[in-house]
Protein backbone atom coordinates (compact mmCIF):
# COMPACT_ATOMS: atom_id res chain seq x y z
CA HIS A 1 0.00 0.00 0.00
CA ARG A 2 1.10 3.49 -0.76
CA THR A 3 1.59 5.81 2.20
CA ARG A 4 0.14 9.30 2.44
CA ASP A 5 3.36 11.01 1.33
CA GLY A 6 3.55 8.85 -1.80
CA SER A 7 6.34 6.61 -0.58
CA GLY A 8 5.98 2.91 -0.25
CA PRO A 9 6.37 -0.17 -2.36
CA ARG A 10 4.45 1.12 -5.37
CA ALA A 11 5.45 4.79 -5.28
CA SER A 12 8.84 4.56 -6.94
CA ARG A 13 7.93 3.62 -10.49
CA LEU A 14 10.70 5.12 -12.57
CA ASN A 15 9.60 4.63 -16.14
CA GLY A 16 12.48 4.08 -18.53
CA ARG A 17 14.98 3.41 -15.76
CA VAL A 18 18.29 1.73 -16.49
CA SER A 19 19.49 -0.75 -13.89
CA VAL A 20 22.74 -0.20 -12.04
CA THR A 21 23.79 -3.62 -13.33
CA GLN A 22 24.06 -2.05 -16.80
CA ARG A 23 26.68 0.51 -15.80
CA HIS A 24 29.99 0.27 -17.62
CA ALA A 25 32.67 -1.70 -15.72
CA VAL A 26 34.84 1.42 -15.38
CA VAL A 27 32.21 2.83 -12.99
CA ALA A 28 32.40 -0.20 -10.70
CA ARG A 29 36.22 -0.03 -10.74
CA ARG A 30 36.20 3.69 -9.91
CA GLY A 31 38.36 4.06 -12.99
CA ARG A 32 37.45 7.65 -13.87
CA VAL A 33 36.00 10.74 -12.26
CA GLY A 34 32.52 12.01 -13.04
CA GLU A 35 30.57 9.01 -11.72
CA TRP A 36 28.14 10.09 -8.98
CA GLU A 37 25.78 8.52 -6.46
CA GLY A 38 22.94 10.49 -4.95
CA ASP A 39 20.00 10.56 -2.64
CA PRO A 40 17.87 13.11 -0.83
CA LEU A 41 18.68 13.12 2.88
CA VAL A 42 15.34 13.65 4.58
CA GLY A 43 14.98 15.30 7.95
CA ARG A 44 12.41 15.38 10.71
CA GLY A 45 8.94 16.00 9.41
CA HIS A 46 9.81 14.48 6.01
CA SER A 47 9.40 17.81 4.22
CA ALA A 48 12.72 19.64 3.75
CA ALA A 49 15.76 17.66 2.66
CA LEU A 50 19.30 17.85 1.35
CA ALA A 51 19.94 16.70 -2.21
CA THR A 52 23.32 15.02 -1.84
CA HIS A 53 25.73 13.74 -4.48
CA VAL A 54 29.02 11.88 -3.97
CA GLU A 55 31.62 11.30 -6.68
CA ARG A 56 32.63 7.62 -6.60
CA THR A 57 36.37 7.92 -7.27
CA SER A 58 37.30 10.98 -5.21
CA ARG A 59 34.42 10.88 -2.66
CA VAL A 60 33.79 14.60 -3.26
CA LEU A 61 30.43 15.65 -1.84
CA LEU A 62 28.02 18.14 -3.39
CA ALA A 63 24.83 19.12 -1.61
CA ALA A 64 21.94 21.55 -1.87
CA THR A 65 18.99 22.30 0.34
CA VAL A 66 15.57 21.23 -0.92
CA PRO A 67 12.59 23.05 0.64
CA ARG A 68 10.17 20.22 -0.17
CA ARG A 69 10.97 16.60 -0.89
CA THR A 70 9.29 16.46 -4.26
CA ALA A 71 10.71 15.16 -7.53
CA ALA A 72 10.59 18.68 -8.98
CA ALA A 73 12.44 20.26 -6.04
CA VAL A 74 15.10 17.51 -5.92
CA HIS A 75 15.56 17.76 -9.68
CA GLN A 76 15.93 21.54 -9.57
CA ALA A 77 18.54 21.36 -6.78
CA THR A 78 20.42 18.59 -8.59
CA CYS A 79 20.54 20.56 -11.85
CA ARG A 80 21.78 23.65 -10.01
CA VAL A 81 24.65 21.69 -8.43
CA PHE A 82 25.71 19.83 -11.58
CA ARG A 83 25.53 22.84 -13.94
CA ALA A 84 28.40 24.35 -11.94
CA LEU A 85 30.65 21.38 -12.82
CA PRO A 86 32.73 21.08 -15.98
CA PRO A 87 31.43 18.45 -18.45
CA PRO A 88 34.23 15.93 -17.66
CA LEU A 89 32.73 15.65 -14.18
CA ARG A 90 29.22 14.88 -15.48
CA LYS A 91 29.19 11.30 -16.71
CA THR A 92 26.81 9.14 -14.66
CA ARG A 93 24.57 9.20 -11.59
CA THR A 94 23.35 6.23 -9.61
CA VAL A 95 20.24 6.87 -7.55
CA ASP A 96 17.96 4.80 -5.38
CA HIS A 97 14.57 3.53 -6.44
CA GLY A 98 12.71 6.38 -4.71
CA SER A 99 10.09 8.62 -6.23
CA ALA A 100 12.29 11.73 -5.73
CA TRP A 101 14.15 10.74 -8.92
CA THR A 102 11.21 10.52 -11.33
CA ALA A 103 12.61 13.49 -13.29
CA PHE A 104 15.86 11.61 -14.02
CA PRO A 105 15.45 11.56 -17.84
CA ILE A 106 15.82 15.37 -17.82
CA LEU A 107 19.25 15.06 -16.15
CA HIS A 108 20.45 13.10 -19.16
CA ALA A 109 18.86 15.45 -21.68
CA THR A 110 20.01 18.72 -20.10
CA LEU A 111 23.30 17.82 -18.41
CA GLY A 112 24.50 14.73 -20.26
CA LEU A 113 24.34 12.64 -17.08
CA ARG A 114 23.47 9.01 -17.72
CA VAL A 115 21.30 7.93 -14.75
CA TYR A 116 21.26 4.41 -13.33
CA VAL A 117 18.81 3.16 -10.74
CA ALA A 118 19.86 0.84 -7.92
CA SER A 119 17.74 -2.16 -7.07
CA PRO A 120 15.09 -1.70 -4.38
CA SER A 121 16.47 -2.28 -0.87
CA ALA A 122 20.06 -2.57 -2.19
CA ALA A 123 21.93 0.24 -0.45
CA TRP A 124 25.27 -1.43 -1.22
CA GLU A 125 24.79 -0.56 -4.89
CA ARG A 126 25.32 3.05 -3.79
CA GLY A 127 27.85 2.29 -1.07
CA THR A 128 29.94 5.43 -1.54
CA HIS A 129 26.88 7.56 -0.88
CA GLU A 130 25.80 5.48 2.11
CA ASN A 131 29.25 5.82 3.69
CA THR A 132 29.20 9.58 3.18
CA THR A 133 25.74 9.76 4.76
CA GLY A 134 27.33 8.39 7.92
CA LEU A 135 29.98 11.15 7.82
CA ARG A 136 27.32 13.84 7.28
CA ARG A 137 25.53 12.65 10.40
CA ASP A 138 28.47 14.02 12.41
CA TYR A 139 27.22 17.48 11.41
CA PHE A 140 23.49 16.85 10.96
CA PRO A 141 22.48 14.16 13.47
CA LYS A 142 19.04 12.60 13.52
CA PRO A 143 16.51 14.03 14.01
CA ILE A 144 17.08 17.34 12.27
CA ASN A 145 14.67 19.53 10.37
CA PHE A 146 16.59 20.63 7.26
CA SER A 147 14.32 23.62 6.72
CA GLY A 148 16.45 25.40 9.33
CA VAL A 149 19.78 24.68 7.61
CA ARG A 150 21.19 27.80 5.93
CA ALA A 151 23.08 27.53 2.63
CA SER A 152 26.22 28.92 4.30
CA GLN A 153 26.02 26.27 7.03
CA LEU A 154 25.66 23.51 4.44
CA ALA A 155 28.59 24.92 2.44
CA THR A 156 30.76 24.81 5.57
CA VAL A 157 29.90 21.15 6.17
CA VAL A 158 30.52 20.20 2.52
CA ARG A 159 33.87 22.00 2.57
CA ALA A 160 34.86 20.22 5.81
CA LEU A 161 33.97 16.79 4.44
CA ASN A 162 35.70 17.43 1.11
CA ASN A 163 38.88 18.42 2.95
CA ARG A 164 38.82 15.59 5.48
CA PRO A 165 41.44 12.85 4.89
CA ARG A 166 39.93 9.42 4.26
CA GLN A 167 41.49 6.08 4.94
CA GLY A 168 39.98 4.68 1.73
CA LEU A 169 41.82 7.40 -0.20
CA ALA A 170 45.25 6.59 1.33
CA ASP A 171 44.72 9.41 3.85
CA ARG A 172 44.24 12.01 1.11
CA THR A 173 41.23 14.31 1.01
CA PRO A 174 38.49 14.01 -1.61
CA MET A 175 39.54 17.36 -3.11
CA GLU A 176 43.18 16.23 -3.36
CA VAL A 177 42.12 13.08 -5.20
CA LEU A 178 39.83 14.99 -7.55
CA ARG A 179 42.49 17.60 -8.37
CA ALA A 180 45.07 14.88 -9.04
CA ARG A 181 42.67 12.97 -11.33
CA LEU A 182 41.63 16.08 -13.25
CA GLY A 183 45.11 17.56 -13.40
CA VAL A 184 43.75 21.02 -12.60
CA ALA A 185 42.58 22.86 -9.51
CA LEU A 186 38.83 22.95 -9.14
CA GLN A 187 36.74 25.11 -6.83
CA ILE A 188 33.67 23.36 -5.41
């Protein structure tokens, strides 16, 4: 049965979706930059959220506030974040099976991002994002109402996480890894 907010087993019908199992092998190997995983991080009250995106190779985080957790609002925030990136950083996105991503075909048409959809209840297919969610909880613990999070506060958290050394990156920061892979300095 569908719940009142539209979530539930039948709410996430993503027509035309492409399964994560059809991603090119280079994505699974983290062989190039520009491969992203994303999800809206929903707060208390299930209204406001953060649209979050993590690059698989470097673990760079991008995030934007979303006033309402609707497909249109998540899509608008996602487009705003990705338009600021150079085209070499816009290859693929892997998202969950949730209804917040129903506008995914537009991401491909407008930004060139090929979108893949993870299997239902398969968080490990977006493991980079799930790990980063745990790190974000250091700054935004449950329960939090994201409607009170200012853009400047979110930018500070994103900057801190992107400049935090990670064991999985040989103790380098996500920004160091991204700069080394791109061969140029990049401001995010």
